[in-house]
C-alpha atoms as a PDB file:
ATOM      1  CA  MET A   1      23.838  14.589   7.558  1.00  0.00           C
ATOM      2  CA  PHE A   2      26.275  12.393   5.640  1.00  0.00           C
ATOM      3  CA  ARG A   3      26.776  10.241   8.699  1.00  0.00           C
ATOM      4  CA  ARG A   4      23.062   9.532   8.985  1.00  0.00           C
ATOM      5  CA  ILE A   5      22.878   8.546   5.317  1.00  0.00           C
ATOM      6  CA  ALA A   6      25.835   6.193   5.722  1.00  0.00           C
ATOM      7  CA  ILE A   7      24.212   4.546   8.720  1.00  0.00           C
ATOM      8  CA  SER A   8      20.939   4.145   6.838  1.00  0.00           C
ATOM      9  CA  LEU A   9      22.713   2.525   3.894  1.00  0.00           C
ATOM     10  CA  ALA A  10      24.588   0.216   6.256  1.00  0.00           C
ATOM     11  CA  LEU A  11      21.319  -0.888   7.794  1.00  0.00           C
ATOM     12  CA  LEU A  12      19.724  -1.436   4.402  1.00  0.00           C
ATOM     13  CA  GLY A  13      22.739  -3.372   3.129  1.00  0.00           C
ATOM     14  CA  PRO A  14      21.920  -6.782   4.687  1.00  0.00           C
ATOM     15  CA  LEU A  15      18.264  -6.519   3.636  1.00  0.00           C
ATOM     16  CA  ALA A  16      19.238  -5.636   0.095  1.00  0.00           C
ATOM     17  CA  THR A  17      21.690  -8.534  -0.008  1.00  0.00           C
ATOM     18  CA  GLN A  18      19.004 -10.978   1.175  1.00  0.00           C
ATOM     19  CA  ALA A  19      16.538  -9.697  -1.409  1.00  0.00           C
ATOM     20  CA  GLN A  20      19.095 -10.221  -4.224  1.00  0.00           C
ATOM     21  CA  VAL A  21      19.689 -13.919  -3.489  1.00  0.00           C
ATOM     22  CA  SER A  22      18.441 -15.840  -6.525  1.00  0.00           C
ATOM     23  CA  ASP A  23      16.426 -19.047  -6.352  1.00  0.00           C
ATOM     24  CA  HIS A  24      19.390 -21.088  -7.609  1.00  0.00           C
ATOM     25  CA  THR A  25      21.896 -19.707  -5.091  1.00  0.00           C
ATOM     26  CA  PRO A  26      22.993 -22.104  -2.316  1.00  0.00           C
ATOM     27  CA  VAL A  27      21.881 -20.802   1.076  1.00  0.00           C
ATOM     28  CA  ILE A  28      23.343 -23.597   3.232  1.00  0.00           C
ATOM     29  CA  GLU A  29      26.549 -25.489   2.494  1.00  0.00           C
ATOM     30  CA  ALA A  30      28.418 -28.138   4.451  1.00  0.00           C
ATOM     31  CA  SER A  31      31.350 -30.252   3.203  1.00  0.00           C
ATOM     32  CA  GLY A  32      30.062 -30.726  -0.324  1.00  0.00           C
ATOM     33  CA  LEU A  33      26.349 -30.661   0.571  1.00  0.00           C
ATOM     34  CA  SER A  34      24.263 -27.639  -0.356  1.00  0.00           C
ATOM     35  CA  ILE A  35      20.674 -26.537  -0.758  1.00  0.00           C
ATOM     36  CA  THR A  36      19.457 -23.641  -2.879  1.00  0.00           C
ATOM     37  CA  LYS A  37      17.151 -20.886  -1.754  1.00  0.00           C
ATOM     38  CA  ALA A  38      14.299 -22.295  -3.866  1.00  0.00           C
ATOM     39  CA  ASP A  39      14.717 -25.840  -2.532  1.00  0.00           C
ATOM     40  CA  PHE A  40      15.059 -24.655   1.063  1.00  0.00           C
ATOM     41  CA  GLU A  41      11.868 -22.609   0.856  1.00  0.00           C
ATOM     42  CA  GLN A  42      10.008 -25.413  -0.933  1.00  0.00           C
ATOM     43  CA  MET A  43      11.163 -27.955   1.650  1.00  0.00           C
ATOM     44  CA  LEU A  44       9.759 -25.803   4.467  1.00  0.00           C
ATOM     45  CA  SER A  45       6.685 -24.447   2.677  1.00  0.00           C
ATOM     46  CA  GLY A  46       4.310 -26.340   4.970  1.00  0.00           C
ATOM     47  CA  ASP A  47       6.334 -25.822   8.148  1.00  0.00           C
ATOM     48  CA  PRO A  48       4.949 -23.156  10.540  1.00  0.00           C
ATOM     49  CA  ARG A  49       8.516 -22.371  11.634  1.00  0.00           C
ATOM     50  CA  PHE A  50       9.241 -21.018   8.161  1.00  0.00           C
ATOM     51  CA  ALA A  51       6.282 -18.625   8.161  1.00  0.00           C
ATOM     52  CA  ARG A  52       7.380 -17.235  11.530  1.00  0.00           C
ATOM     53  CA  ALA A  53      11.011 -17.002  10.447  1.00  0.00           C
ATOM     54  CA  MET A  54      10.203 -15.037   7.287  1.00  0.00           C
ATOM     55  CA  ALA A  55       8.586 -12.362   9.419  1.00  0.00           C
ATOM     56  CA  GLN A  56      11.536 -12.022  11.835  1.00  0.00           C
ATOM     57  CA  PRO A  57      15.176 -11.755  10.662  1.00  0.00           C
ATOM     58  CA  GLU A  58      16.522 -13.183  13.928  1.00  0.00           C
ATOM     59  CA  ALA A  59      14.220 -16.194  13.657  1.00  0.00           C
ATOM     60  CA  LYS A  60      15.229 -16.692  10.030  1.00  0.00           C
ATOM     61  CA  LEU A  61      18.908 -16.779  11.000  1.00  0.00           C
ATOM     62  CA  ALA A  62      18.160 -19.187  13.855  1.00  0.00           C
ATOM     63  CA  LEU A  63      16.259 -21.498  11.501  1.00  0.00           C
ATOM     64  CA  GLY A  64      19.109 -21.449   8.998  1.00  0.00           C
ATOM     65  CA  THR A  65      21.580 -22.172  11.792  1.00  0.00           C
ATOM     66  CA  ASP A  66      19.569 -25.195  12.935  1.00  0.00           C
ATOM     67  CA  PHE A  67      19.547 -26.623   9.437  1.00  0.00           C
ATOM     68  CA  GLY A  68      23.215 -25.760   8.988  1.00  0.00           C
ATOM     69  CA  LYS A  69      24.094 -27.820  12.060  1.00  0.00           C
ATOM     70  CA  ALA A  70      22.027 -30.735  10.738  1.00  0.00           C
ATOM     71  CA  PHE A  71      23.747 -30.455   7.343  1.00  0.00           C
ATOM     72  CA  ALA A  72      27.149 -30.530   9.007  1.00  0.00           C
ATOM     73  CA  LEU A  73      26.230 -33.746  10.823  1.00  0.00           C
ATOM     74  CA  GLU A  74      24.786 -35.284   7.669  1.00  0.00           C
ATOM     75  CA  ALA A  75      27.940 -34.421   5.749  1.00  0.00           C
ATOM     76  CA  GLU A  76      30.103 -36.098   8.402  1.00  0.00           C
ATOM     77  CA  ALA A  77      27.868 -39.185   8.389  1.00  0.00           C
ATOM     78  CA  ARG A  78      28.204 -39.414   4.607  1.00  0.00           C
ATOM     79  CA  LYS A  79      31.985 -39.066   4.853  1.00  0.00           C
ATOM     80  CA  ARG A  80      31.886 -42.132   7.076  1.00  0.00           C
ATOM     81  CA  LYS A  81      29.591 -43.836   4.523  1.00  0.00           C
ATOM     82  CA  LEU A  82      26.962 -44.512   7.166  1.00  0.00           C
ATOM     83  CA  GLU A  83      24.190 -44.200   4.574  1.00  0.00           C
ATOM     84  CA  GLN A  84      25.618 -47.338   2.905  1.00  0.00           C
ATOM     85  CA  SER A  85      25.070 -49.475   6.001  1.00  0.00           C
ATOM     86  CA  PRO A  86      22.356 -52.133   5.372  1.00  0.00           C
ATOM     87  CA  SER A  87      20.657 -51.338   8.674  1.00  0.00           C
ATOM     88  CA  VAL A  88      20.569 -47.620   7.835  1.00  0.00           C
ATOM     89  CA  GLN A  89      19.240 -48.403   4.363  1.00  0.00           C
ATOM     90  CA  LEU A  90      16.380 -50.344   5.943  1.00  0.00           C
ATOM     91  CA  LYS A  91      15.585 -47.415   8.247  1.00  0.00           C
ATOM     92  CA  ILE A  92      15.589 -45.083   5.242  1.00  0.00           C
ATOM     93  CA  ARG A  93      13.249 -47.482   3.427  1.00  0.00           C
ATOM     94  CA  ASN A  94      10.881 -47.566   6.412  1.00  0.00           C
ATOM     95  CA  TYR A  95      10.809 -43.772   6.550  1.00  0.00           C
ATOM     96  CA  THR A  96      10.324 -43.561   2.784  1.00  0.00           C
ATOM     97  CA  THR A  97       7.391 -45.995   2.956  1.00  0.00           C
ATOM     98  CA  GLN A  98       5.596 -43.851   5.518  1.00  0.00           C
ATOM     99  CA  LEU A  99       6.441 -40.619   3.723  1.00  0.00           C
ATOM    100  CA  LEU A 100       5.166 -41.828   0.350  1.00  0.00           C
ATOM    101  CA  ALA A 101       1.977 -43.251   1.877  1.00  0.00           C
ATOM    102  CA  ASN A 102       1.246 -39.856   3.408  1.00  0.00           C
ATOM    103  CA  GLU A 103       2.132 -38.042   0.177  1.00  0.00           C
ATOM    104  CA  LEU A 104      -0.278 -40.320  -1.701  1.00  0.00           C
ATOM    105  CA  LEU A 105      -3.063 -39.302   0.667  1.00  0.00           C
ATOM    106  CA  VAL A 106      -2.178 -35.620   0.257  1.00  0.00           C
ATOM    107  CA  SER A 107      -2.121 -35.993  -3.534  1.00  0.00           C
ATOM    108  CA  LEU A 108      -5.505 -37.743  -3.624  1.00  0.00           C
ATOM    109  CA  ARG A 109      -7.034 -35.073  -1.402  1.00  0.00           C
ATOM    110  CA  LYS A 110      -5.736 -32.288  -3.629  1.00  0.00           C
ATOM    111  CA  GLY A 111      -7.163 -34.030  -6.664  1.00  0.00           C
ATOM    112  CA  TYR A 112     -10.608 -34.391  -5.136  1.00  0.00           C
ATOM    113  CA  LEU A 113     -10.657 -30.760  -4.006  1.00  0.00           C
ATOM    114  CA  LYS A 114     -10.636 -29.901  -7.729  1.00  0.00           C
ATOM    115  CA  ASP A 115     -13.289 -32.510  -8.593  1.00  0.00           C
ATOM    116  CA  ASP A 116     -16.510 -30.585  -7.957  1.00  0.00           C
ATOM    117  CA  ALA A 117     -18.681 -33.358  -9.403  1.00  0.00           C
ATOM    118  CA  ALA A 118     -17.295 -36.037  -7.058  1.00  0.00           C
ATOM    119  CA  LEU A 119     -17.593 -33.744  -4.038  1.00  0.00           C
ATOM    120  CA  ALA A 120     -21.178 -32.787  -4.896  1.00  0.00           C
ATOM    121  CA  ALA A 121     -22.163 -36.419  -5.456  1.00  0.00           C
ATOM    122  CA  LEU A 122     -20.835 -37.532  -2.056  1.00  0.00           C
ATOM    123  CA  TYR A 123     -22.414 -34.503  -0.401  1.00  0.00           C
ATOM    124  CA  GLU A 124     -25.859 -35.240  -1.860  1.00  0.00           C
ATOM    125  CA  LYS A 125     -25.593 -38.898  -0.916  1.00  0.00           C
ATOM    126  CA  ASN A 126     -24.670 -38.173   2.707  1.00  0.00           C
ATOM    127  CA  LYS A 127     -26.076 -34.697   3.275  1.00  0.00           C
ATOM    128  CA  GLU A 128     -27.573 -35.632   6.626  1.00  0.00           C
ATOM    129  CA  ALA A 129     -24.195 -36.812   7.896  1.00  0.00           C
ATOM    130  CA  TYR A 130     -22.874 -33.271   7.489  1.00  0.00           C
ATOM    131  CA  ALA A 131     -25.736 -31.597   9.334  1.00  0.00           C
ATOM    132  CA  GLU A 132     -24.387 -29.933  12.482  1.00  0.00           C
ATOM    133  CA  PRO A 133     -26.139 -31.017  15.697  1.00  0.00           C
ATOM    134  CA  ARG A 134     -27.017 -28.540  18.447  1.00  0.00           C
ATOM    135  CA  VAL A 135     -26.116 -30.398  21.594  1.00  0.00           C
ATOM    136  CA  ARG A 136     -26.811 -30.248  25.302  1.00  0.00           C
ATOM    137  CA  GLN A 137     -24.439 -32.136  27.543  1.00  0.00           C
ATOM    138  CA  ILE A 138     -23.943 -33.196  31.113  1.00  0.00           C
ATOM    139  CA  LEU A 139     -20.274 -33.777  31.882  1.00  0.00           C
ATOM    140  CA  VAL A 140     -19.068 -35.767  34.861  1.00  0.00           C
ATOM    141  CA  ARG A 141     -15.356 -35.042  35.222  1.00  0.00           C
ATOM    142  CA  MET A 142     -12.876 -37.510  36.646  1.00  0.00           C
ATOM    143  CA  GLN A 143      -9.475 -37.226  38.293  1.00  0.00           C
ATOM    144  CA  GLY A 144      -6.883 -36.169  35.748  1.00  0.00           C
ATOM    145  CA  SER A 145      -9.383 -34.350  33.529  1.00  0.00           C
ATOM    146  CA  ALA A 146      -8.333 -31.051  31.943  1.00  0.00           C
ATOM    147  CA  VAL A 147     -11.669 -29.636  33.097  1.00  0.00           C
ATOM    148  CA  ALA A 148     -11.486 -27.563  36.287  1.00  0.00           C
ATOM    149  CA  LEU A 149     -13.084 -29.066  39.360  1.00  0.00           C
ATOM    150  CA  ARG A 150     -16.427 -27.393  40.071  1.00  0.00           C
ATOM    151  CA  LYS A 151     -16.465 -25.580  43.396  1.00  0.00           C
ATOM    152  CA  GLY A 152     -17.955 -27.698  46.138  1.00  0.00           C
ATOM    153  CA  LYS A 153     -17.846 -30.905  44.078  1.00  0.00           C
ATOM    154  CA  PRO A 154     -15.703 -33.962  44.954  1.00  0.00           C
ATOM    155  CA  ASP A 155     -12.755 -34.994  42.772  1.00  0.00           C
ATOM    156  CA  LEU A 156     -14.203 -38.299  41.528  1.00  0.00           C
ATOM    157  CA  SER A 157     -12.109 -41.298  40.538  1.00  0.00           C
ATOM    158  CA  LEU A 158     -12.683 -42.926  37.161  1.00  0.00           C
ATOM    159  CA  ALA A 159     -14.993 -45.559  38.649  1.00  0.00           C
ATOM    160  CA  GLN A 160     -16.908 -43.029  40.755  1.00  0.00           C
ATOM    161  CA  ALA A 161     -17.384 -40.714  37.759  1.00  0.00           C
ATOM    162  CA  ARG A 162     -18.672 -43.560  35.613  1.00  0.00           C
ATOM    163  CA  THR A 163     -21.110 -44.622  38.322  1.00  0.00           C
ATOM    164  CA  LYS A 164     -22.412 -41.066  38.725  1.00  0.00           C
ATOM    165  CA  ALA A 165     -22.904 -40.736  34.972  1.00  0.00           C
ATOM    166  CA  GLU A 166     -24.895 -43.989  34.923  1.00  0.00           C
ATOM    167  CA  VAL A 167     -27.081 -42.742  37.796  1.00  0.00           C
ATOM    168  CA  LEU A 168     -27.758 -39.471  35.942  1.00  0.00           C
ATOM    169  CA  ARG A 169     -28.577 -41.426  32.771  1.00  0.00           C
ATOM    170  CA  ALA A 170     -31.143 -43.444  34.727  1.00  0.00           C
ATOM    171  CA  LYS A 171     -32.727 -40.225  36.023  1.00  0.00           C
ATOM    172  CA  LEU A 172     -33.044 -38.893  32.473  1.00  0.00           C
ATOM    173  CA  ALA A 173     -34.590 -42.184  31.339  1.00  0.00           C
ATOM    174  CA  SER A 174     -37.132 -41.792  34.152  1.00  0.00           C
ATOM    175  CA  GLY A 175     -38.180 -38.376  32.870  1.00  0.00           C
ATOM    176  CA  ALA A 176     -35.829 -35.904  34.577  1.00  0.00           C
ATOM    177  CA  ASP A 177     -35.430 -32.580  32.756  1.00  0.00           C
ATOM    178  CA  PHE A 178     -32.083 -32.543  30.938  1.00  0.00           C
ATOM    179  CA  ALA A 179     -31.465 -28.804  31.280  1.00  0.00           C
ATOM    180  CA  ALA A 180     -32.299 -28.757  34.999  1.00  0.00           C
ATOM    181  CA  LEU A 181     -30.087 -31.766  35.669  1.00  0.00           C
ATOM    182  CA  ALA A 182     -27.230 -30.152  33.722  1.00  0.00           C
ATOM    183  CA  ARG A 183     -27.460 -26.983  35.818  1.00  0.00           C
ATOM    184  CA  ALA A 184     -27.329 -29.012  39.008  1.00  0.00           C
ATOM    185  CA  GLU A 185     -24.836 -31.753  38.151  1.00  0.00           C
ATOM    186  CA  SER A 186     -22.718 -30.983  35.068  1.00  0.00           C
ATOM    187  CA  ASP A 187     -19.033 -30.197  35.488  1.00  0.00           C
ATOM    188  CA  ASP A 188     -18.893 -28.249  32.220  1.00  0.00           C
ATOM    189  CA  LEU A 189     -18.627 -24.759  33.674  1.00  0.00           C
ATOM    190  CA  GLY A 190     -19.126 -23.157  30.271  1.00  0.00           C
ATOM    191  CA  SER A 191     -22.621 -24.558  29.741  1.00  0.00           C
ATOM    192  CA  ILE A 192     -24.137 -24.808  33.221  1.00  0.00           C
ATOM    193  CA  LYS A 193     -26.069 -21.543  32.891  1.00  0.00           C
ATOM    194  CA  THR A 194     -27.547 -22.637  29.560  1.00  0.00           C
ATOM    195  CA  GLY A 195     -28.698 -25.988  30.890  1.00  0.00           C
ATOM    196  CA  GLY A 196     -25.861 -27.806  29.161  1.00  0.00           C
ATOM    197  CA  ASP A 197     -26.465 -26.221  25.759  1.00  0.00           C
ATOM    198  CA  ILE A 198     -23.082 -26.030  23.995  1.00  0.00           C
ATOM    199  CA  GLY A 199     -24.519 -24.887  20.666  1.00  0.00           C
ATOM    200  CA  PHE A 200     -23.839 -26.369  17.234  1.00  0.00           C
ATOM    201  CA  VAL A 201     -20.912 -28.776  16.956  1.00  0.00           C
ATOM    202  CA  PRO A 202     -19.053 -28.497  13.618  1.00  0.00           C
ATOM    203  CA  LYS A 203     -17.664 -31.764  12.274  1.00  0.00           C
ATOM    204  CA  GLY A 204     -14.059 -32.288  13.268  1.00  0.00           C
ATOM    205  CA  THR A 205     -14.087 -30.063  16.361  1.00  0.00           C
ATOM    206  CA  ALA A 206     -14.897 -32.533  19.142  1.00  0.00           C
ATOM    207  CA  ASP A 207     -13.435 -35.775  20.458  1.00  0.00           C
ATOM    208  CA  ALA A 208     -14.053 -38.645  18.037  1.00  0.00           C
ATOM    209  CA  GLU A 209     -16.184 -40.587  20.561  1.00  0.00           C
ATOM    210  CA  PHE A 210     -18.314 -37.541  21.355  1.00  0.00           C
ATOM    211  CA  GLU A 211     -18.685 -36.533  17.721  1.00  0.00           C
ATOM    212  CA  ALA A 212     -19.619 -40.011  16.516  1.00  0.00           C
ATOM    213  CA  VAL A 213     -22.622 -40.022  18.853  1.00  0.00           C
ATOM    214  CA  ALA A 214     -23.576 -36.368  18.314  1.00  0.00           C
ATOM    215  CA  PHE A 215     -23.742 -36.776  14.538  1.00  0.00           C
ATOM    216  CA  SER A 216     -25.700 -40.047  14.631  1.00  0.00           C
ATOM    217  CA  LEU A 217     -28.102 -39.485  17.525  1.00  0.00           C
ATOM    218  CA  PRO A 218     -31.688 -38.718  16.425  1.00  0.00           C
ATOM    219  CA  VAL A 219     -33.009 -35.265  17.293  1.00  0.00           C
ATOM    220  CA  GLY A 220     -34.733 -35.170  20.669  1.00  0.00           C
ATOM    221  CA  THR A 221     -33.026 -38.266  22.059  1.00  0.00           C
ATOM    222  CA  THR A 222     -30.440 -38.749  24.793  1.00  0.00           C
ATOM    223  CA  SER A 223     -27.259 -40.764  24.477  1.00  0.00           C
ATOM    224  CA  GLY A 224     -25.792 -43.402  26.696  1.00  0.00           C
ATOM    225  CA  VAL A 225     -22.647 -42.658  28.682  1.00  0.00           C
ATOM    226  CA  ILE A 226     -19.776 -41.464  26.469  1.00  0.00           C
ATOM    227  CA  LYS A 227     -16.192 -41.512  27.779  1.00  0.00           C
ATOM    228  CA  THR A 228     -13.584 -38.998  26.575  1.00  0.00           C
ATOM    229  CA  GLY A 229     -10.415 -37.584  28.086  1.00  0.00           C
ATOM    230  CA  TYR A 230     -12.550 -34.981  29.855  1.00  0.00           C
ATOM    231  CA  GLY A 231     -14.763 -37.438  31.687  1.00  0.00           C
ATOM    232  CA  PHE A 232     -18.159 -39.014  31.044  1.00  0.00           C
ATOM    233  CA  HIS A 233     -20.753 -37.259  28.894  1.00  0.00           C
ATOM    234  CA  LEU A 234     -24.482 -37.551  28.435  1.00  0.00           C
ATOM    235  CA  ILE A 235     -25.703 -35.651  25.388  1.00  0.00           C
ATOM    236  CA  ARG A 236     -29.007 -34.710  23.863  1.00  0.00           C
ATOM    237  CA  VAL A 237     -29.371 -33.476  20.279  1.00  0.00           C
ATOM    238  CA  GLU A 238     -31.842 -30.601  20.123  1.00  0.00           C
ATOM    239  CA  GLU A 239     -31.767 -29.874  16.375  1.00  0.00           C
ATOM    240  CA  ARG A 240     -29.654 -30.142  13.251  1.00  0.00           C
ATOM    241  CA  ARG A 241     -28.807 -27.611  10.575  1.00  0.00           C
ATOM    242  CA  PRO A 242     -27.436 -28.479   7.153  1.00  0.00           C
ATOM    243  CA  MET A 243     -23.907 -27.431   6.301  1.00  0.00           C
ATOM    244  CA  ALA A 244     -23.253 -25.887   2.908  1.00  0.00           C
ATOM    245  CA  LEU A 245     -21.237 -27.925   0.406  1.00  0.00           C
ATOM    246  CA  GLU A 246     -18.512 -25.276   0.429  1.00  0.00           C
ATOM    247  CA  ALA A 247     -18.064 -25.672   4.190  1.00  0.00           C
ATOM    248  CA  VAL A 248     -17.415 -29.417   4.008  1.00  0.00           C
ATOM    249  CA  LYS A 249     -15.357 -29.731   0.817  1.00  0.00           C
ATOM    250  CA  GLU A 250     -12.167 -30.607   2.696  1.00  0.00           C
ATOM    251  CA  ILE A 251     -13.989 -33.237   4.752  1.00  0.00           C
ATOM    252  CA  LEU A 252     -15.507 -34.720   1.596  1.00  0.00           C
ATOM    253  CA  ALA A 253     -12.159 -34.737  -0.219  1.00  0.00           C
ATOM    254  CA  ASN A 254     -10.564 -36.457   2.760  1.00  0.00           C
ATOM    255  CA  GLU A 255     -13.262 -39.145   2.824  1.00  0.00           C
ATOM    256  CA  LEU A 256     -12.925 -39.797  -0.905  1.00  0.00           C
ATOM    257  CA  ALA A 257      -9.132 -39.962  -0.610  1.00  0.00           C
ATOM    258  CA  HIS A 258      -9.340 -42.475   2.244  1.00  0.00           C
ATOM    259  CA  ARG A 259     -11.853 -44.492   0.235  1.00  0.00           C
ATOM    260  CA  ASP A 260      -9.286 -44.722  -2.564  1.00  0.00           C
ATOM    261  CA  LEU A 261      -6.597 -45.743  -0.088  1.00  0.00           C
ATOM    262  CA  ASP A 262      -8.840 -48.507   1.244  1.00  0.00           C
ATOM    263  CA  GLY A 263      -9.322 -49.777  -2.312  1.00  0.00           C
ATOM    264  CA  ILE A 264      -5.586 -49.739  -2.978  1.00  0.00           C
ATOM    265  CA  ILE A 265      -4.891 -51.600   0.264  1.00  0.00           C
ATOM    266  CA  LEU A 266      -7.653 -54.189  -0.188  1.00  0.00           C
ATOM    267  CA  ASN A 267      -5.791 -56.387  -2.671  1.00  0.00           C
ATOM    268  CA  GLY A 268      -2.543 -54.477  -2.794  1.00  0.00           C
ATOM    269  CA  TYR A 269      -0.364 -56.718  -0.658  1.00  0.00           C
ATOM    270  CA  LYS A 270      -0.014 -60.237   0.691  1.00  0.00           C
ATOM    271  CA  LEU A 271       1.625 -61.598   3.813  1.00  0.00           C
ATOM    272  CA  ASN A 272       3.717 -64.699   4.276  1.00  0.00           C
ATOM    273  CA  LEU A 273       1.463 -66.357   6.808  1.00  0.00           C
ATOM    274  CA  ALA A 274       4.093 -68.983   7.553  1.00  0.00           C
ATOM    275  CA  TYR A 275       5.942 -66.092   9.204  1.00  0.00           C
ATOM    276  CA  PHE A 276       3.147 -63.783  10.407  1.00  0.00           C
ATOM    277  CA  GLY A 277       0.590 -66.423  11.284  1.00  0.00           C
ATOM    278  CA  LYS A 278      -3.161 -66.216  10.806  1.00  0.00           C
END
């Protein structure tokens, strides 16, 4: 009985010790460098590795070990005063420039997510742009596509696939039934049985080239040939349904944030054209 209790306490010991570590306690140290629990967790708050590590003690230790190794190397580099090298300082500046530009975008987005009036105004102005299209497609795959080759169909080269897509587009323009042609010719195995109907396409879920056409094409019309990494597409928009404001808030906030960035960039810098040229 006593032995079992002792074993249980021994097993609980490490967990209890971890739970008692305060936010201000260093959790990694290396030759004068250290980082506290609070700073370590804040630094990794958006990193998926951290979420996984918190759920598995072994993964948490492995993550700490990885950072410990990096800290050890950083500490040695600082001992050698490498951070004082002009070339290293320029690399740090380049990284800082990119980091701060991204943080500015993140900050603007967060601000707009709290600005219900600005989000609603942009939504009302562009409501149709956020209406999801229900799309039919005919896909002509090409060599190297991630789409599986349809049984009995040839593995077309890029040029051959483009030519076939153009031929199918001509047939549609001459009055061929889109659904029937999709069943016979499309390489999209998931939509053959439905005559190419892939359902509603939410914004941000398809290739940019595909989505740009799907969201701008009038209902009841057929596109030209669209090239993506999957092959060549012909699409037809069957209908559109409005998306609720709540469903597109992040998209709206992102657009407003990028609009601000464009304004900042517009007159925010100048180039020495004697060096860069016109």
